[in-house]
Amino acid sequence: MIEIVIALYVIPLLVGWILDRLIGDPQWLPHPVVLFGKVIGLSEKGLNRGEHKKAKGAITALLLICSTAILAYLLIHYANKVNPFLSIALRAIFVFYCLAGTTLIREVVEVFKAVEISLEQGRKQVARIVGRDTSALSAQEIRTAALETLAENLSDGVIAPLFWYMVAGVPGMLTYKMINTLDSMIGYKNPRYKEFGMVAAKIDDFANYIPARLTALLMALVYRKRDLPALRSNKRSKRELIAFISRYGRCHASPNSGYPEAALAAILDCRFGGAHHYFGEIVEKPYIGSNEREFNNTDVEIAVKINRRAEILTVALTAIIGAGARIFIYLCI
């Protein structure tokens, strides 16, 4: 049993994660999330009209989520029967597709490089990773948006997929990606999506509830005071980080996004939040932190370091806890 768990659970996890570390998400490579997005877009275009938008949106979300879970399970089950090595390879590929740590870090670093060249390039680069209107952002707002996204997507793009892999293997991981893609496309509270995307947004809130808080805790655990520049005066202890996260984590429109953002704000001793433009409307987000200071390249270097450590720790915990739980369940039944 131990050999089977290692072969079908641990090896795909490690291989998929290593592939993400090495190559990220090449644009030329077909990606299942792109397929998810096309299906969601077609569904929304055809159904988000007329009466009963909330019901139609709920049915759409539930059908897509359940279909993803069932198809992923059947595909893995079929691969198991055909050839164990095919199953291992297929699982590793899906793990690779579901992780977005490397690509996100590259994009955020490129934002900081671009804004050093010009505001226009910075705005164009940050528009690749945020949903807000970037056309009038200042250099400080561009850097802030990039760092907020880096923290939030450590949860959405790395910790949450790994958490659901630990809970339900590749089917759980792929199902989470469908849930998260639904939320990123139709989970807004503007007039177009407020009713149609309401259930999708609630499901995403549920799927990210534990991972978001786990992300903040992991960031606090991997933080070291020596990560900060020697001249930085406010170097919080781990206890102070936890207190900061507890205070500011709930200060966000999302019930989850505020926790990883609060963790990074505590580490960097900065302030996130404020007014943002989404689809032509101004959205006032509560401030996370109180130190309104200018960001620089050192900040993104620290943030990337924290992200990488939290990612490595999560992969290790996912392998150990997930494998141990599966062996324990097998021995008990």
Protein backbone atom coordinates (compact mmCIF):
# COMPACT_ATOMS: atom_id res chain seq x y z
CA MET A 1 0.00 0.00 0.00
CA ILE A 2 2.80 2.44 0.85
CA GLU A 3 4.37 1.89 -2.58
CA ILE A 4 1.03 2.53 -4.31
CA VAL A 5 0.44 5.77 -2.38
CA ILE A 6 3.93 7.02 -3.20
CA ALA A 7 3.52 6.11 -6.87
CA LEU A 8 0.00 7.50 -7.40
CA TYR A 9 -0.02 10.42 -4.94
CA VAL A 10 3.45 11.62 -3.97
CA ILE A 11 5.35 11.20 -7.26
CA PRO A 12 2.76 13.09 -9.40
CA LEU A 13 2.69 15.87 -6.79
CA LEU A 14 6.46 16.32 -6.80
CA VAL A 15 6.88 15.95 -10.58
CA GLY A 16 4.05 18.40 -11.31
CA TRP A 17 5.41 20.93 -8.83
CA ILE A 18 8.95 20.66 -10.21
CA LEU A 19 7.63 21.19 -13.74
CA ASP A 20 5.86 24.35 -12.59
CA ARG A 21 9.06 25.57 -10.94
CA LEU A 22 11.05 24.93 -14.10
CA ILE A 23 8.79 26.19 -16.88
CA GLY A 24 5.68 27.81 -15.38
CA ASP A 25 2.80 28.13 -17.87
CA PRO A 26 4.22 28.57 -21.39
CA GLN A 27 1.76 30.48 -23.59
CA TRP A 28 2.16 27.99 -26.42
CA LEU A 29 1.04 25.06 -24.26
CA PRO A 30 -2.71 24.20 -24.30
CA HIS A 31 -4.13 24.70 -20.82
CA PRO A 32 -7.30 23.19 -19.27
CA VAL A 33 -8.08 26.46 -17.48
CA VAL A 34 -8.30 28.15 -20.89
CA LEU A 35 -10.87 25.50 -21.85
CA PHE A 36 -12.71 26.13 -18.58
CA GLY A 37 -12.79 29.83 -19.40
CA LYS A 38 -14.20 29.26 -22.89
CA VAL A 39 -16.97 27.00 -21.58
CA ILE A 40 -17.84 29.49 -18.84
CA GLY A 41 -17.83 32.38 -21.32
CA LEU A 42 -20.16 30.60 -23.74
CA SER A 43 -22.49 29.60 -20.90
CA GLU A 44 -22.62 33.13 -19.54
CA LYS A 45 -23.22 34.64 -22.95
CA GLY A 46 -26.10 32.30 -23.65
CA LEU A 47 -27.79 32.23 -20.24
CA ASN A 48 -27.10 35.56 -18.51
CA ARG A 49 -30.14 37.29 -19.90
CA GLY A 50 -33.84 37.65 -19.26
CA GLU A 51 -35.43 36.47 -16.02
CA HIS A 52 -34.19 34.05 -13.34
CA LYS A 53 -30.54 34.99 -13.78
CA LYS A 54 -29.65 33.81 -10.30
CA ALA A 55 -31.16 30.36 -10.87
CA LYS A 56 -29.58 30.02 -14.29
CA GLY A 57 -26.19 31.07 -12.89
CA ALA A 58 -26.50 28.59 -10.03
CA ILE A 59 -27.38 25.72 -12.38
CA THR A 60 -24.51 26.68 -14.69
CA ALA A 61 -21.99 26.76 -11.86
CA LEU A 62 -23.14 23.49 -10.31
CA LEU A 63 -23.23 21.67 -13.65
CA LEU A 64 -19.74 22.82 -14.62
CA ILE A 65 -18.29 22.01 -11.19
CA CYS A 66 -19.91 18.57 -10.98
CA SER A 67 -19.01 17.76 -14.59
CA THR A 68 -15.37 18.65 -13.95
CA ALA A 69 -15.24 16.44 -10.84
CA ILE A 70 -16.88 13.47 -12.58
CA LEU A 71 -14.83 13.72 -15.78
CA ALA A 72 -11.57 14.08 -13.84
CA TYR A 73 -12.41 11.04 -11.70
CA LEU A 74 -13.37 8.92 -14.71
CA LEU A 75 -10.24 9.95 -16.60
CA ILE A 76 -7.94 9.05 -13.71
CA HIS A 77 -9.87 5.82 -13.08
CA TYR A 78 -9.55 4.82 -16.74
CA ALA A 79 -5.82 5.63 -16.76
CA ASN A 80 -5.36 3.43 -13.68
CA LYS A 81 -6.88 0.49 -15.52
CA VAL A 82 -4.94 1.02 -18.74
CA ASN A 83 -1.46 1.47 -17.31
CA PRO A 84 -0.10 2.60 -13.90
CA PHE A 85 2.66 4.63 -15.56
CA LEU A 86 0.09 6.40 -17.75
CA SER A 87 -1.87 7.22 -14.58
CA ILE A 88 1.21 8.63 -12.84
CA ALA A 89 2.12 10.74 -15.88
CA LEU A 90 -1.44 12.02 -16.31
CA ARG A 91 -1.71 12.97 -12.63
CA ALA A 92 1.65 14.78 -12.77
CA ILE A 93 0.55 16.76 -15.84
CA PHE A 94 -2.65 17.88 -14.15
CA VAL A 95 -0.78 18.89 -10.99
CA PHE A 96 1.53 20.94 -13.20
CA TYR A 97 -1.43 22.59 -14.95
CA CYS A 98 -3.19 23.42 -11.66
CA LEU A 99 -0.23 25.19 -10.03
CA ALA A 100 0.51 28.80 -10.97
CA GLY A 101 3.27 29.82 -8.59
CA THR A 102 6.11 30.38 -11.03
CA THR A 103 4.13 32.26 -13.67
CA LEU A 104 2.60 34.58 -11.07
CA ILE A 105 5.98 35.45 -9.58
CA ARG A 106 7.43 36.12 -13.03
CA GLU A 107 4.53 38.42 -13.90
CA VAL A 108 4.81 40.41 -10.66
CA VAL A 109 8.58 40.83 -11.02
CA GLU A 110 8.00 42.03 -14.60
CA VAL A 111 5.54 44.64 -13.28
CA PHE A 112 8.22 46.12 -11.02
CA LYS A 113 10.71 46.12 -13.92
CA ALA A 114 8.20 47.69 -16.32
CA VAL A 115 7.21 50.54 -14.01
CA GLU A 116 10.88 51.46 -13.68
CA ILE A 117 10.90 52.05 -17.45
CA SER A 118 7.66 54.02 -17.72
CA LEU A 119 4.22 54.37 -16.20
CA GLU A 120 2.61 53.21 -19.44
CA GLN A 121 4.59 49.99 -19.52
CA GLY A 122 3.88 49.41 -15.84
CA ARG A 123 0.15 49.88 -16.37
CA LYS A 124 0.16 47.55 -19.35
CA GLN A 125 2.09 44.87 -17.48
CA VAL A 126 0.00 44.97 -14.30
CA ALA A 127 -3.18 44.75 -16.40
CA ARG A 128 -2.13 41.18 -17.22
CA ILE A 129 -2.64 40.04 -13.64
CA VAL A 130 -5.38 42.25 -12.13
CA GLY A 131 -9.05 42.78 -12.94
CA ARG A 132 -9.17 46.49 -12.10
CA ASP A 133 -8.82 49.41 -14.52
CA THR A 134 -5.10 50.22 -14.74
CA SER A 135 -5.18 53.11 -17.21
CA ALA A 136 -4.71 55.85 -14.59
CA LEU A 137 -2.67 54.08 -11.90
CA SER A 138 0.35 55.81 -10.41
CA ALA A 139 3.66 53.99 -9.96
CA GLN A 140 2.84 53.37 -6.30
CA GLU A 141 -0.62 52.03 -7.18
CA ILE A 142 0.87 49.72 -9.81
CA ARG A 143 3.33 48.24 -7.33
CA THR A 144 0.59 47.95 -4.71
CA ALA A 145 -1.70 46.10 -7.11
CA ALA A 146 1.10 43.70 -8.03
CA LEU A 147 1.95 42.90 -4.41
CA GLU A 148 -1.71 42.47 -3.43
CA THR A 149 -2.16 40.07 -6.34
CA LEU A 150 0.99 38.16 -5.42
CA ALA A 151 -0.32 37.58 -1.90
CA GLU A 152 -3.89 36.75 -2.93
CA ASN A 153 -2.85 34.39 -5.69
CA LEU A 154 -0.38 32.53 -3.50
CA SER A 155 -3.60 31.23 -1.98
CA ASP A 156 -5.65 30.86 -5.18
CA GLY A 157 -2.86 29.64 -7.43
CA VAL A 158 -0.74 27.48 -5.12
CA ILE A 159 -1.95 26.75 -1.58
CA ALA A 160 -5.62 26.12 -2.41
CA PRO A 161 -4.92 23.71 -5.32
CA LEU A 162 -2.46 21.81 -3.11
CA PHE A 163 -4.98 21.73 -0.26
CA TRP A 164 -7.67 20.24 -2.49
CA TYR A 165 -5.15 17.80 -3.96
CA MET A 166 -4.49 16.60 -0.42
CA VAL A 167 -8.25 16.26 0.21
CA ALA A 168 -9.38 14.68 -3.07
CA GLY A 169 -6.39 14.12 -5.35
CA VAL A 170 -6.31 15.31 -8.96
CA PRO A 171 -10.14 15.43 -9.27
CA GLY A 172 -10.26 17.74 -6.24
CA MET A 173 -7.53 19.93 -7.68
CA LEU A 174 -9.19 20.27 -11.10
CA THR A 175 -12.60 20.88 -9.55
CA TYR A 176 -11.11 23.69 -7.47
CA LYS A 177 -9.64 25.26 -10.62
CA MET A 178 -13.09 25.24 -12.23
CA ILE A 179 -14.58 26.86 -9.11
CA ASN A 180 -11.86 29.50 -9.04
CA THR A 181 -12.16 30.19 -12.79
CA LEU A 182 -15.92 30.62 -12.43
CA ASP A 183 -15.39 33.17 -9.67
CA SER A 184 -12.71 35.06 -11.60
CA MET A 185 -15.01 35.37 -14.63
CA ILE A 186 -18.52 35.82 -13.25
CA GLY A 187 -18.09 36.32 -9.49
CA TYR A 188 -18.29 40.12 -9.59
CA LYS A 189 -20.95 42.26 -7.88
CA ASN A 190 -21.48 44.62 -10.82
CA PRO A 191 -24.85 44.82 -12.66
CA ARG A 192 -23.86 42.23 -15.28
CA TYR A 193 -22.74 39.45 -12.94
CA LYS A 194 -24.31 40.21 -9.56
CA GLU A 195 -27.19 37.74 -9.95
CA PHE A 196 -25.76 35.27 -12.46
CA GLY A 197 -22.47 34.83 -10.61
CA MET A 198 -23.76 34.94 -7.04
CA VAL A 199 -23.71 31.18 -6.40
CA ALA A 200 -20.35 30.73 -8.15
CA ALA A 201 -18.86 33.40 -5.88
CA LYS A 202 -20.30 31.76 -2.74
CA ILE A 203 -18.90 28.37 -3.74
CA ASP A 204 -15.49 29.95 -4.32
CA ASP A 205 -15.69 31.58 -0.87
CA PHE A 206 -16.29 28.15 0.65
CA ALA A 207 -13.52 26.46 -1.37
CA ASN A 208 -10.99 29.10 -0.32
CA TYR A 209 -12.02 29.55 3.32
CA ILE A 210 -9.41 27.21 4.82
CA PRO A 211 -6.68 27.72 2.16
CA ALA A 212 -6.73 31.52 2.54
CA ARG A 213 -6.21 31.36 6.29
CA LEU A 214 -3.69 28.57 5.90
CA THR A 215 -1.78 30.74 3.42
CA ALA A 216 -1.54 33.60 5.91
CA LEU A 217 -0.36 31.22 8.63
CA LEU A 218 2.27 29.67 6.35
CA MET A 219 3.55 33.11 5.35
CA ALA A 220 3.94 33.98 9.02
CA LEU A 221 5.71 30.67 9.72
CA VAL A 222 8.30 31.04 6.94
CA TYR A 223 9.01 34.72 7.69
CA ARG A 224 12.34 35.62 9.27
CA LYS A 225 13.26 39.05 10.62
CA ARG A 226 16.54 38.86 8.72
CA ASP A 227 14.53 38.83 5.47
CA LEU A 228 14.03 42.58 5.92
CA PRO A 229 16.70 45.22 5.25
CA ALA A 230 18.94 45.98 8.21
CA LEU A 231 17.69 49.57 8.38
CA ARG A 232 14.00 48.58 8.47
CA SER A 233 12.88 49.61 11.94
CA ASN A 234 9.56 47.78 12.30
CA LYS A 235 10.45 44.09 12.18
CA ARG A 236 7.49 42.22 13.61
CA SER A 237 7.79 39.01 15.59
CA LYS A 238 5.72 35.99 14.55
CA ARG A 239 3.29 36.71 17.37
CA GLU A 240 2.89 40.27 16.12
CA LEU A 241 2.33 38.96 12.58
CA ILE A 242 -0.49 36.70 13.77
CA ALA A 243 -2.06 39.57 15.72
CA PHE A 244 -1.86 41.82 12.63
CA ILE A 245 -3.45 39.12 10.44
CA SER A 246 -6.23 38.58 12.98
CA ARG A 247 -6.95 42.29 13.04
CA TYR A 248 -6.78 43.10 9.33
CA GLY A 249 -7.57 39.77 7.65
CA ARG A 250 -11.29 40.46 7.78
CA CYS A 251 -10.83 43.99 6.36
CA HIS A 252 -11.61 43.05 2.77
CA ALA A 253 -14.69 42.80 0.56
CA SER A 254 -13.82 39.13 0.09
CA PRO A 255 -14.10 36.90 3.17
CA ASN A 256 -10.80 35.25 2.19
CA SER A 257 -8.50 37.53 0.19
CA GLY A 258 -7.74 39.78 3.14
CA TYR A 259 -5.84 37.10 5.06
CA PRO A 260 -2.87 36.55 2.71
CA GLU A 261 -2.82 40.27 1.92
CA ALA A 262 -2.72 41.05 5.65
CA ALA A 263 0.16 38.61 6.10
CA LEU A 264 2.22 40.31 3.40
CA ALA A 265 1.29 43.79 4.65
CA ALA A 266 2.46 42.79 8.13
CA ILE A 267 5.76 41.44 6.82
CA LEU A 268 6.45 44.47 4.60
CA ASP A 269 5.03 46.97 7.14
CA CYS A 270 2.88 48.63 4.50
CA ARG A 271 -0.72 49.42 3.61
CA PHE A 272 -2.92 47.74 1.02
CA GLY A 273 -6.47 48.55 -0.07
CA GLY A 274 -8.13 51.81 -1.02
CA ALA A 275 -10.19 52.87 -4.05
CA HIS A 276 -10.01 50.77 -7.24
CA HIS A 277 -11.84 51.01 -10.57
CA TYR A 278 -13.65 47.86 -11.72
CA PHE A 279 -15.71 47.89 -14.93
CA GLY A 280 -16.18 51.65 -14.78
CA GLU A 281 -17.16 51.73 -11.10
CA ILE A 282 -15.13 52.89 -8.08
CA VAL A 283 -14.86 50.19 -5.42
CA GLU A 284 -13.65 51.32 -1.99
CA LYS A 285 -11.70 48.55 -0.28
CA PRO A 286 -10.89 48.86 3.44
CA TYR A 287 -7.26 49.53 4.22
CA ILE A 288 -5.11 46.64 5.38
CA GLY A 289 -2.33 48.08 7.52
CA SER A 290 -1.64 51.72 8.34
CA ASN A 291 1.87 52.50 7.11
CA GLU A 292 1.42 54.27 3.77
CA ARG A 293 4.94 54.13 2.38
CA GLU A 294 6.51 53.92 -1.06
CA PHE A 295 7.31 50.47 -2.43
CA ASN A 296 10.61 49.57 -4.07
CA ASN A 297 12.30 46.54 -5.63
CA THR A 298 13.37 45.23 -2.23
CA ASP A 299 9.71 44.73 -1.35
CA VAL A 300 9.03 42.45 -4.29
CA GLU A 301 12.21 40.49 -3.56
CA ILE A 302 11.04 39.87 0.02
CA ALA A 303 7.52 38.97 -1.13
CA VAL A 304 8.85 36.47 -3.68
CA LYS A 305 11.08 34.90 -1.04
CA ILE A 306 8.11 34.46 1.31
CA ASN A 307 5.96 33.01 -1.49
CA ARG A 308 8.58 30.46 -2.45
CA ARG A 309 9.15 29.30 1.11
CA ALA A 310 5.41 28.99 1.78
CA GLU A 311 5.02 27.01 -1.44
CA ILE A 312 7.82 24.59 -0.58
CA LEU A 313 6.47 24.05 2.93
CA THR A 314 2.97 23.40 1.56
CA VAL A 315 4.21 20.85 -0.97
CA ALA A 316 6.05 19.02 1.81
CA LEU A 317 3.01 19.07 4.10
CA THR A 318 0.73 17.97 1.26
CA ALA A 319 2.97 15.01 0.51
CA ILE A 320 3.41 13.93 4.13
CA ILE A 321 -0.11 14.54 5.47
CA GLY A 322 -1.90 13.36 2.33
CA ALA A 323 0.11 10.18 2.02
CA GLY A 324 -0.16 9.47 5.74
CA ALA A 325 -3.94 9.97 5.73
CA ARG A 326 -4.40 7.65 2.77
CA ILE A 327 -2.31 4.90 4.35
CA PHE A 328 -4.17 5.32 7.65
CA ILE A 329 -7.58 5.07 5.95
CA TYR A 330 -6.45 1.97 4.03
CA LEU A 331 -5.30 0.27 7.24
CA CYS A 332 -8.58 1.10 9.01
CA ILE A 333 -10.93 -0.34 6.40
